[in-house]
Amino acid sequence: MTKTIVQKITFKNTTTDELYKLYMDEQKHSEVTGSKAKIKQKEGTNFVVYDGYIIGRNLQLINNSLIVQSWRASDWDDSDIDSTFIIYFIQHDEDVVVSVVHANLPIQHAESISKGWHEFYWKPWKLYLKNASMYK
């Protein structure tokens, strides 16, 4: 069985460009997460993030707007299908709303992955942005 998680996170005083780069630029991705990332801003390319814990493929990319990926964690069973990760960036004045749909997650991993997005991405992104704004 699989499960879908849906999240909506607001980032204050930033741009879609900045957030898109935090995910798709491998140097920034590595810096903000504190783990090695290999990711290219090109459709059809494979990616490896979190020191190899997460692997997948970029299915669709719209610069500063949309990322669609096949996605799987290294601790999933071989019989588990790849999940689909969709992240959409929406500029609202000086803030950005990030809408996330992560579909086809193995049910036994869905809760930890949902928490993991907050712990390993959204919180570090907010801290990174806060620290970066101090030096502007």
Protein backbone atom coordinates (compact mmCIF):
# COMPACT_ATOMS: atom_id res chain seq x y z
CA MET A 1 0.00 0.00 0.00
CA THR A 2 1.06 3.57 -0.62
CA LYS A 3 0.25 6.95 0.84
CA THR A 4 0.35 10.55 -0.37
CA ILE A 5 1.45 13.44 1.80
CA VAL A 6 0.57 17.07 1.10
CA GLN A 7 2.35 20.01 2.68
CA LYS A 8 2.13 23.79 2.32
CA ILE A 9 4.91 25.93 3.80
CA THR A 10 5.31 29.71 3.71
CA PHE A 11 8.79 31.22 3.53
CA LYS A 12 8.99 34.89 4.46
CA ASN A 13 10.94 37.56 2.57
CA THR A 14 12.35 35.42 -0.21
CA THR A 15 11.83 34.60 -3.87
CA THR A 16 10.90 31.56 -5.88
CA ASP A 17 14.33 31.83 -7.52
CA GLU A 18 16.12 31.51 -4.16
CA LEU A 19 14.06 28.52 -3.01
CA TYR A 20 14.28 26.75 -6.37
CA LYS A 21 18.06 27.07 -6.20
CA LEU A 22 18.19 25.74 -2.63
CA TYR A 23 16.80 22.49 -4.01
CA MET A 24 18.17 22.32 -7.57
CA ASP A 25 21.67 23.82 -7.20
CA GLU A 26 23.83 20.99 -5.88
CA GLN A 27 26.23 23.33 -4.04
CA LYS A 28 23.38 25.17 -2.26
CA HIS A 29 21.48 21.90 -1.67
CA SER A 30 24.58 20.43 -0.01
CA GLU A 31 25.24 23.57 2.00
CA VAL A 32 21.74 23.95 3.40
CA THR A 33 21.23 20.26 4.21
CA GLY A 34 24.78 19.58 5.41
CA SER A 35 25.01 16.48 3.22
CA LYS A 36 26.38 15.69 -0.22
CA ALA A 37 24.06 16.24 -3.17
CA LYS A 38 24.49 15.50 -6.87
CA ILE A 39 21.67 17.15 -8.76
CA LYS A 40 21.48 18.92 -12.12
CA GLN A 41 18.91 21.42 -13.37
CA LYS A 42 18.07 19.25 -16.37
CA GLU A 43 15.06 17.05 -17.06
CA GLY A 44 15.80 13.35 -17.42
CA THR A 45 18.90 13.41 -15.22
CA ASN A 46 19.34 11.29 -12.13
CA PHE A 47 20.04 12.80 -8.74
CA VAL A 48 21.50 11.55 -5.46
CA VAL A 49 21.03 13.56 -2.25
CA TYR A 50 21.61 13.10 1.45
CA ASP A 51 24.86 11.21 0.94
CA GLY A 52 23.10 8.62 -1.22
CA TYR A 53 20.08 8.03 1.01
CA ILE A 54 17.72 9.48 -1.63
CA ILE A 55 17.94 8.78 -5.36
CA GLY A 56 15.71 9.61 -8.28
CA ARG A 57 15.23 11.33 -11.61
CA ASN A 58 14.13 14.82 -12.63
CA LEU A 59 10.93 14.28 -14.62
CA GLN A 60 9.83 17.89 -15.17
CA LEU A 61 11.45 21.20 -14.29
CA ILE A 62 10.06 24.69 -14.77
CA ASN A 63 12.66 27.18 -13.61
CA ASN A 64 11.72 28.90 -10.32
CA SER A 65 8.27 27.30 -10.39
CA LEU A 66 7.97 23.50 -10.48
CA ILE A 67 10.01 20.37 -9.76
CA VAL A 68 8.65 16.88 -10.44
CA GLN A 69 10.84 13.90 -9.58
CA SER A 70 10.75 10.17 -9.21
CA TRP A 71 12.12 9.61 -5.71
CA ARG A 72 13.08 6.73 -3.45
CA ALA A 73 15.02 6.14 -0.26
CA SER A 74 17.74 3.55 0.11
CA ASP A 75 15.95 1.76 2.97
CA TRP A 76 12.84 0.99 0.91
CA ASP A 77 12.12 -2.59 -0.12
CA ASP A 78 13.05 -3.52 -3.68
CA SER A 79 9.36 -4.27 -4.28
CA ASP A 80 8.37 -0.66 -3.39
CA ILE A 81 7.66 1.49 -6.43
CA ASP A 82 9.36 4.86 -6.85
CA SER A 83 7.39 7.71 -5.37
CA THR A 84 6.56 10.93 -7.18
CA PHE A 85 7.67 14.20 -5.58
CA ILE A 86 6.10 17.47 -6.77
CA ILE A 87 7.08 20.86 -5.40
CA TYR A 88 5.50 24.08 -6.63
CA PHE A 89 6.77 27.56 -5.73
CA ILE A 90 4.26 30.46 -5.65
CA GLN A 91 5.35 34.06 -5.06
CA HIS A 92 2.97 36.09 -2.87
CA ASP A 93 4.29 39.62 -2.49
CA GLU A 94 7.54 39.20 -0.51
CA ASP A 95 6.81 35.62 0.57
CA VAL A 96 6.80 32.27 -1.19
CA VAL A 97 4.31 29.49 -0.61
CA VAL A 98 5.75 26.06 -1.31
CA SER A 99 3.18 23.40 -2.12
CA VAL A 100 4.36 19.80 -1.91
CA VAL A 101 2.72 16.57 -2.98
CA HIS A 102 4.69 13.40 -2.35
CA ALA A 103 2.75 10.45 -3.78
CA ASN A 104 3.14 6.66 -3.80
CA LEU A 105 5.11 6.54 -0.56
CA PRO A 106 5.38 3.13 1.06
CA ILE A 107 2.85 3.39 3.87
CA GLN A 108 5.37 2.25 6.49
CA HIS A 109 7.69 5.19 5.58
CA ALA A 110 5.13 7.97 4.95
CA GLU A 111 5.04 9.45 8.46
CA SER A 112 8.83 9.61 8.82
CA ILE A 113 9.21 11.12 5.35
CA SER A 114 6.57 13.74 6.11
CA LYS A 115 8.43 14.68 9.29
CA GLY A 116 11.73 14.47 7.42
CA TRP A 117 10.72 17.14 4.91
CA HIS A 118 10.22 19.54 7.81
CA GLU A 119 13.31 18.51 9.78
CA PHE A 120 15.79 18.13 6.91
CA TYR A 121 14.49 20.70 4.41
CA TRP A 122 11.94 23.29 5.51
CA LYS A 123 13.54 24.13 8.89
CA PRO A 124 17.08 24.32 7.45
CA TRP A 125 15.78 26.43 4.53
CA LYS A 126 14.22 28.91 6.97
CA LEU A 127 17.42 29.05 9.03
CA TYR A 128 19.53 29.52 5.90
CA LEU A 129 17.29 32.34 4.67
CA LYS A 130 17.30 34.01 8.09
CA ASN A 131 21.10 33.89 8.25
CA ALA A 132 21.47 35.07 4.65
CA SER A 133 19.22 38.08 5.31
CA MET A 134 21.52 39.16 8.15
CA TYR A 135 24.31 39.71 5.59
CA LYS A 136 22.28 41.58 2.96
